[in-house]
């Protein structure tokens, strides 16, 4: 007796596949398709394919819809964390400041060797140095970090984001995971505009 095997990729328990989630998180972070392709080491066509599939699955018509979508992937630490809407939503201390640079290697060397700031890590054209507990995020070229952004630490980006919206603040990018460290700690961010339309952000470190 021959057992028939279904062809194709196995079904996923989540609404999006892991590859689609990676692309959607990057879209919610404000990245263009070419930037996503370069950062993730995939083809531009693959990025376009994942964006189109995600829009179709979620019933959205544009990237703007994706940026405002507050979906959370099922395999994340935040998915298993209950939302406490009564939690303190006051913005915490500054956790990160971004700055755009022309040459990431030269900038990394200058901040590290000339200013003596401890180098934390580098990912491609992104570098991070420590400024007495505040992380300086250096990004090469134009993009989301073209204008300096102040990132405020909060316990959970979701209730803080909801509280800001209730006050009439424009949320540009809904809470999304930007990185998962080797120890399982996830970094989550959401972006909003100040009263003059300039970008600000909130960030949370969610442990497993």
C-alpha atoms as a PDB file:
ATOM      1  CA  UNK A   1       0.000   0.000   0.000  1.00  0.00           C
ATOM      2  CA  UNK A   2       1.367   3.358  -1.015  1.00  0.00           C
ATOM      3  CA  UNK A   3       0.947   6.252   1.393  1.00  0.00           C
ATOM      4  CA  UNK A   4       0.207   9.490  -0.417  1.00  0.00           C
ATOM      5  CA  UNK A   5       2.271  12.451   0.765  1.00  0.00           C
ATOM      6  CA  UNK A   6       1.092  16.023   0.271  1.00  0.00           C
ATOM      7  CA  UNK A   7       3.458  18.104  -1.732  1.00  0.00           C
ATOM      8  CA  UNK A   8       4.613  21.615  -0.968  1.00  0.00           C
ATOM      9  CA  UNK A   9       5.713  23.317   2.188  1.00  0.00           C
ATOM     10  CA  UNK A  10       4.217  22.295   5.528  1.00  0.00           C
ATOM     11  CA  UNK A  11       1.385  24.432   6.888  1.00  0.00           C
ATOM     12  CA  UNK A  12       2.254  27.100   9.460  1.00  0.00           C
ATOM     13  CA  UNK A  13       0.334  27.634  12.667  1.00  0.00           C
ATOM     14  CA  UNK A  14       0.758  31.388  12.308  1.00  0.00           C
ATOM     15  CA  UNK A  15      -1.038  33.669   9.879  1.00  0.00           C
ATOM     16  CA  UNK A  16       2.259  34.404   8.092  1.00  0.00           C
ATOM     17  CA  UNK A  17       5.248  32.203   7.309  1.00  0.00           C
ATOM     18  CA  UNK A  18       8.578  32.958   9.048  1.00  0.00           C
ATOM     19  CA  UNK A  19       9.937  34.546   5.850  1.00  0.00           C
ATOM     20  CA  UNK A  20       6.825  36.693   5.472  1.00  0.00           C
ATOM     21  CA  UNK A  21       7.071  37.794   9.094  1.00  0.00           C
ATOM     22  CA  UNK A  22      10.704  38.874   8.591  1.00  0.00           C
ATOM     23  CA  UNK A  23       9.716  41.000   5.604  1.00  0.00           C
ATOM     24  CA  UNK A  24       6.591  42.433   7.260  1.00  0.00           C
ATOM     25  CA  UNK A  25       8.556  43.403  10.386  1.00  0.00           C
ATOM     26  CA  UNK A  26      11.036  45.228   8.129  1.00  0.00           C
ATOM     27  CA  UNK A  27       8.198  46.997   6.310  1.00  0.00           C
ATOM     28  CA  UNK A  28       6.765  48.064   9.672  1.00  0.00           C
ATOM     29  CA  UNK A  29      10.234  49.371  10.531  1.00  0.00           C
ATOM     30  CA  UNK A  30       9.975  51.731   7.541  1.00  0.00           C
ATOM     31  CA  UNK A  31      12.353  49.935   5.194  1.00  0.00           C
ATOM     32  CA  UNK A  32      11.973  49.885   1.401  1.00  0.00           C
ATOM     33  CA  UNK A  33      12.013  46.662  -0.620  1.00  0.00           C
ATOM     34  CA  UNK A  34      15.630  47.184  -1.818  1.00  0.00           C
ATOM     35  CA  UNK A  35      16.735  47.875   1.761  1.00  0.00           C
ATOM     36  CA  UNK A  36      15.009  44.711   2.988  1.00  0.00           C
ATOM     37  CA  UNK A  37      16.571  42.620   0.222  1.00  0.00           C
ATOM     38  CA  UNK A  38      20.043  43.950   1.036  1.00  0.00           C
ATOM     39  CA  UNK A  39      19.636  43.604   4.802  1.00  0.00           C
ATOM     40  CA  UNK A  40      18.199  40.069   4.676  1.00  0.00           C
ATOM     41  CA  UNK A  41      20.392  38.777   1.855  1.00  0.00           C
ATOM     42  CA  UNK A  42      17.503  37.816  -0.431  1.00  0.00           C
ATOM     43  CA  UNK A  43      16.437  38.887  -3.916  1.00  0.00           C
ATOM     44  CA  UNK A  44      14.243  41.909  -4.532  1.00  0.00           C
ATOM     45  CA  UNK A  45      11.714  39.629  -6.239  1.00  0.00           C
ATOM     46  CA  UNK A  46      11.534  37.488  -3.094  1.00  0.00           C
ATOM     47  CA  UNK A  47      10.773  40.551  -0.988  1.00  0.00           C
ATOM     48  CA  UNK A  48       8.060  41.694  -3.408  1.00  0.00           C
ATOM     49  CA  UNK A  49       6.596  38.185  -3.360  1.00  0.00           C
ATOM     50  CA  UNK A  50       6.435  38.077   0.447  1.00  0.00           C
ATOM     51  CA  UNK A  51       4.923  41.569   0.644  1.00  0.00           C
ATOM     52  CA  UNK A  52       2.242  40.662  -1.910  1.00  0.00           C
ATOM     53  CA  UNK A  53       1.439  37.382  -0.134  1.00  0.00           C
ATOM     54  CA  UNK A  54       1.215  39.112   3.244  1.00  0.00           C
ATOM     55  CA  UNK A  55      -1.105  41.807   1.926  1.00  0.00           C
ATOM     56  CA  UNK A  56      -3.352  39.156   0.391  1.00  0.00           C
ATOM     57  CA  UNK A  57      -3.453  37.013   3.539  1.00  0.00           C
ATOM     58  CA  UNK A  58      -4.220  39.962   5.798  1.00  0.00           C
ATOM     59  CA  UNK A  59      -6.748  41.562   3.457  1.00  0.00           C
ATOM     60  CA  UNK A  60      -4.712  44.754   3.127  1.00  0.00           C
ATOM     61  CA  UNK A  61      -4.196  46.893   0.039  1.00  0.00           C
ATOM     62  CA  UNK A  62      -1.027  48.856   0.818  1.00  0.00           C
ATOM     63  CA  UNK A  63       2.236  48.950   2.747  1.00  0.00           C
ATOM     64  CA  UNK A  64       0.716  51.697   4.887  1.00  0.00           C
ATOM     65  CA  UNK A  65      -1.802  49.117   6.117  1.00  0.00           C
ATOM     66  CA  UNK A  66       1.069  46.809   7.065  1.00  0.00           C
ATOM     67  CA  UNK A  67       2.842  49.582   8.974  1.00  0.00           C
ATOM     68  CA  UNK A  68      -0.267  50.263  11.062  1.00  0.00           C
ATOM     69  CA  UNK A  69      -1.046  46.569  11.643  1.00  0.00           C
ATOM     70  CA  UNK A  70      -0.379  45.512  15.246  1.00  0.00           C
ATOM     71  CA  UNK A  71      -0.119  41.761  14.645  1.00  0.00           C
ATOM     72  CA  UNK A  72       2.316  39.766  16.785  1.00  0.00           C
ATOM     73  CA  UNK A  73       3.999  36.586  15.582  1.00  0.00           C
ATOM     74  CA  UNK A  74       3.085  33.467  17.565  1.00  0.00           C
ATOM     75  CA  UNK A  75       6.674  32.380  18.231  1.00  0.00           C
ATOM     76  CA  UNK A  76       7.615  35.672  19.911  1.00  0.00           C
ATOM     77  CA  UNK A  77       8.002  36.365  23.623  1.00  0.00           C
ATOM     78  CA  UNK A  78       5.487  39.194  23.354  1.00  0.00           C
ATOM     79  CA  UNK A  79       2.777  36.867  22.031  1.00  0.00           C
ATOM     80  CA  UNK A  80       2.819  34.994  25.335  1.00  0.00           C
ATOM     81  CA  UNK A  81       2.867  38.136  27.471  1.00  0.00           C
ATOM     82  CA  UNK A  82      -0.489  39.425  28.677  1.00  0.00           C
ATOM     83  CA  UNK A  83      -1.236  43.058  27.872  1.00  0.00           C
ATOM     84  CA  UNK A  84      -1.726  45.111  31.015  1.00  0.00           C
ATOM     85  CA  UNK A  85      -3.621  48.164  29.788  1.00  0.00           C
ATOM     86  CA  UNK A  86      -3.484  49.602  33.323  1.00  0.00           C
ATOM     87  CA  UNK A  87       0.310  49.459  33.427  1.00  0.00           C
ATOM     88  CA  UNK A  88       2.348  52.627  33.783  1.00  0.00           C
ATOM     89  CA  UNK A  89       2.693  54.055  30.292  1.00  0.00           C
ATOM     90  CA  UNK A  90       4.945  57.006  31.059  1.00  0.00           C
ATOM     91  CA  UNK A  91       7.912  57.101  28.700  1.00  0.00           C
ATOM     92  CA  UNK A  92      11.042  55.832  30.363  1.00  0.00           C
ATOM     93  CA  UNK A  93      14.659  56.956  29.996  1.00  0.00           C
ATOM     94  CA  UNK A  94      16.216  57.412  26.576  1.00  0.00           C
ATOM     95  CA  UNK A  95      17.482  54.035  25.420  1.00  0.00           C
ATOM     96  CA  UNK A  96      18.777  54.866  21.947  1.00  0.00           C
ATOM     97  CA  UNK A  97      19.522  57.777  19.613  1.00  0.00           C
ATOM     98  CA  UNK A  98      20.053  57.278  15.891  1.00  0.00           C
ATOM     99  CA  UNK A  99      22.376  59.121  13.546  1.00  0.00           C
ATOM    100  CA  UNK A 100      22.832  58.722   9.795  1.00  0.00           C
ATOM    101  CA  UNK A 101      26.437  58.475   8.544  1.00  0.00           C
ATOM    102  CA  UNK A 102      28.077  58.300   5.118  1.00  0.00           C
ATOM    103  CA  UNK A 103      30.611  55.536   5.878  1.00  0.00           C
ATOM    104  CA  UNK A 104      29.711  53.036   8.594  1.00  0.00           C
ATOM    105  CA  UNK A 105      33.232  51.611   8.981  1.00  0.00           C
ATOM    106  CA  UNK A 106      34.795  55.050   9.329  1.00  0.00           C
ATOM    107  CA  UNK A 107      32.075  56.171  11.739  1.00  0.00           C
ATOM    108  CA  UNK A 108      32.393  53.017  13.850  1.00  0.00           C
ATOM    109  CA  UNK A 109      36.156  53.509  14.105  1.00  0.00           C
ATOM    110  CA  UNK A 110      35.817  57.217  14.959  1.00  0.00           C
ATOM    111  CA  UNK A 111      33.244  56.765  17.736  1.00  0.00           C
ATOM    112  CA  UNK A 112      35.132  53.769  19.113  1.00  0.00           C
ATOM    113  CA  UNK A 113      38.771  54.856  18.779  1.00  0.00           C
ATOM    114  CA  UNK A 114      38.640  58.651  18.802  1.00  0.00           C
ATOM    115  CA  UNK A 115      35.805  59.182  21.297  1.00  0.00           C
ATOM    116  CA  UNK A 116      36.539  55.978  23.211  1.00  0.00           C
ATOM    117  CA  UNK A 117      32.908  54.776  23.238  1.00  0.00           C
ATOM    118  CA  UNK A 118      32.498  50.995  23.702  1.00  0.00           C
ATOM    119  CA  UNK A 119      31.485  49.231  20.487  1.00  0.00           C
ATOM    120  CA  UNK A 120      28.476  46.961  21.042  1.00  0.00           C
ATOM    121  CA  UNK A 121      27.880  45.242  17.691  1.00  0.00           C
ATOM    122  CA  UNK A 122      27.693  45.812  13.949  1.00  0.00           C
ATOM    123  CA  UNK A 123      25.217  44.364  11.422  1.00  0.00           C
ATOM    124  CA  UNK A 124      26.146  45.200   7.827  1.00  0.00           C
ATOM    125  CA  UNK A 125      25.710  48.966   7.468  1.00  0.00           C
ATOM    126  CA  UNK A 126      24.454  49.396  11.053  1.00  0.00           C
ATOM    127  CA  UNK A 127      26.669  49.889  14.095  1.00  0.00           C
ATOM    128  CA  UNK A 128      25.888  50.422  17.778  1.00  0.00           C
ATOM    129  CA  UNK A 129      28.067  52.020  20.456  1.00  0.00           C
ATOM    130  CA  UNK A 130      27.391  52.617  24.138  1.00  0.00           C
ATOM    131  CA  UNK A 131      27.136  56.146  25.551  1.00  0.00           C
ATOM    132  CA  UNK A 132      26.972  55.537  29.281  1.00  0.00           C
ATOM    133  CA  UNK A 133      23.947  53.275  29.031  1.00  0.00           C
ATOM    134  CA  UNK A 134      22.337  55.032  26.054  1.00  0.00           C
ATOM    135  CA  UNK A 135      22.820  53.200  22.766  1.00  0.00           C
ATOM    136  CA  UNK A 136      23.969  55.251  19.760  1.00  0.00           C
ATOM    137  CA  UNK A 137      22.637  53.717  16.542  1.00  0.00           C
ATOM    138  CA  UNK A 138      24.699  54.571  13.457  1.00  0.00           C
ATOM    139  CA  UNK A 139      23.127  53.882  10.055  1.00  0.00           C
ATOM    140  CA  UNK A 140      24.886  54.267   6.714  1.00  0.00           C
ATOM    141  CA  UNK A 141      23.052  56.162   3.976  1.00  0.00           C
ATOM    142  CA  UNK A 142      19.525  57.473   3.687  1.00  0.00           C
ATOM    143  CA  UNK A 143      16.530  55.685   5.126  1.00  0.00           C
ATOM    144  CA  UNK A 144      14.496  55.560   8.337  1.00  0.00           C
ATOM    145  CA  UNK A 145      17.408  56.922  10.354  1.00  0.00           C
ATOM    146  CA  UNK A 146      18.133  59.875   8.023  1.00  0.00           C
ATOM    147  CA  UNK A 147      16.867  62.212  10.739  1.00  0.00           C
ATOM    148  CA  UNK A 148      18.022  61.612  14.297  1.00  0.00           C
ATOM    149  CA  UNK A 149      15.408  59.694  16.293  1.00  0.00           C
ATOM    150  CA  UNK A 150      15.103  59.537  20.076  1.00  0.00           C
ATOM    151  CA  UNK A 151      14.017  56.116  21.382  1.00  0.00           C
ATOM    152  CA  UNK A 152      12.370  55.959  24.830  1.00  0.00           C
ATOM    153  CA  UNK A 153      12.456  52.761  26.892  1.00  0.00           C
ATOM    154  CA  UNK A 154       9.136  51.352  28.117  1.00  0.00           C
ATOM    155  CA  UNK A 155       8.151  48.036  29.724  1.00  0.00           C
ATOM    156  CA  UNK A 156       5.773  47.018  26.908  1.00  0.00           C
ATOM    157  CA  UNK A 157       5.350  48.915  23.658  1.00  0.00           C
ATOM    158  CA  UNK A 158       1.727  47.799  23.190  1.00  0.00           C
ATOM    159  CA  UNK A 159      -0.098  49.536  26.082  1.00  0.00           C
ATOM    160  CA  UNK A 160       2.158  52.577  25.708  1.00  0.00           C
ATOM    161  CA  UNK A 161       1.282  52.764  22.015  1.00  0.00           C
ATOM    162  CA  UNK A 162      -2.435  52.498  22.844  1.00  0.00           C
ATOM    163  CA  UNK A 163      -2.134  55.245  25.465  1.00  0.00           C
ATOM    164  CA  UNK A 164      -0.394  57.546  22.996  1.00  0.00           C
ATOM    165  CA  UNK A 165      -3.065  56.918  20.369  1.00  0.00           C
ATOM    166  CA  UNK A 166      -5.766  57.739  22.923  1.00  0.00           C
ATOM    167  CA  UNK A 167      -4.094  61.134  23.341  1.00  0.00           C
ATOM    168  CA  UNK A 168      -4.235  61.774  19.603  1.00  0.00           C
ATOM    169  CA  UNK A 169      -0.619  60.873  18.823  1.00  0.00           C
ATOM    170  CA  UNK A 170      -0.029  59.669  15.252  1.00  0.00           C
ATOM    171  CA  UNK A 171       1.399  56.132  15.311  1.00  0.00           C
ATOM    172  CA  UNK A 172       3.468  55.686  12.170  1.00  0.00           C
ATOM    173  CA  UNK A 173       4.617  52.092  12.745  1.00  0.00           C
ATOM    174  CA  UNK A 174       2.758  49.689  15.029  1.00  0.00           C
ATOM    175  CA  UNK A 175       4.762  47.626  17.558  1.00  0.00           C
ATOM    176  CA  UNK A 176       7.071  45.205  15.760  1.00  0.00           C
ATOM    177  CA  UNK A 177      10.063  43.014  16.579  1.00  0.00           C
ATOM    178  CA  UNK A 178      13.333  44.238  15.081  1.00  0.00           C
ATOM    179  CA  UNK A 179      15.818  41.746  16.502  1.00  0.00           C
ATOM    180  CA  UNK A 180      16.103  38.562  18.552  1.00  0.00           C
ATOM    181  CA  UNK A 181      19.384  38.228  20.470  1.00  0.00           C
ATOM    182  CA  UNK A 182      21.246  34.963  21.003  1.00  0.00           C
ATOM    183  CA  UNK A 183      19.895  34.683  24.568  1.00  0.00           C
ATOM    184  CA  UNK A 184      16.321  34.908  23.267  1.00  0.00           C
ATOM    185  CA  UNK A 185      15.708  38.521  24.305  1.00  0.00           C
ATOM    186  CA  UNK A 186      13.626  40.357  21.694  1.00  0.00           C
ATOM    187  CA  UNK A 187      13.769  44.039  20.874  1.00  0.00           C
ATOM    188  CA  UNK A 188      10.420  45.630  19.995  1.00  0.00           C
ATOM    189  CA  UNK A 189       9.784  49.133  18.703  1.00  0.00           C
ATOM    190  CA  UNK A 190       6.981  51.415  17.585  1.00  0.00           C
ATOM    191  CA  UNK A 191       7.336  54.777  15.851  1.00  0.00           C
ATOM    192  CA  UNK A 192       5.225  57.916  16.181  1.00  0.00           C
ATOM    193  CA  UNK A 193       5.419  61.577  15.215  1.00  0.00           C
ATOM    194  CA  UNK A 194       5.801  64.597  17.446  1.00  0.00           C
ATOM    195  CA  UNK A 195       3.630  67.708  17.075  1.00  0.00           C
ATOM    196  CA  UNK A 196       5.784  68.886  14.148  1.00  0.00           C
ATOM    197  CA  UNK A 197       5.729  65.548  12.328  1.00  0.00           C
ATOM    198  CA  UNK A 198       9.245  64.450  13.309  1.00  0.00           C
ATOM    199  CA  UNK A 199       9.903  60.827  14.267  1.00  0.00           C
ATOM    200  CA  UNK A 200      10.158  59.464  17.805  1.00  0.00           C
ATOM    201  CA  UNK A 201      10.107  55.870  19.020  1.00  0.00           C
ATOM    202  CA  UNK A 202       9.470  53.644  22.003  1.00  0.00           C
ATOM    203  CA  UNK A 203      11.417  50.432  22.593  1.00  0.00           C
ATOM    204  CA  UNK A 204      11.080  47.352  24.830  1.00  0.00           C
ATOM    205  CA  UNK A 205      13.370  44.438  25.614  1.00  0.00           C
ATOM    206  CA  UNK A 206      11.152  41.361  26.034  1.00  0.00           C
ATOM    207  CA  UNK A 207      12.805  38.341  27.649  1.00  0.00           C
ATOM    208  CA  UNK A 208      11.637  34.783  27.104  1.00  0.00           C
END
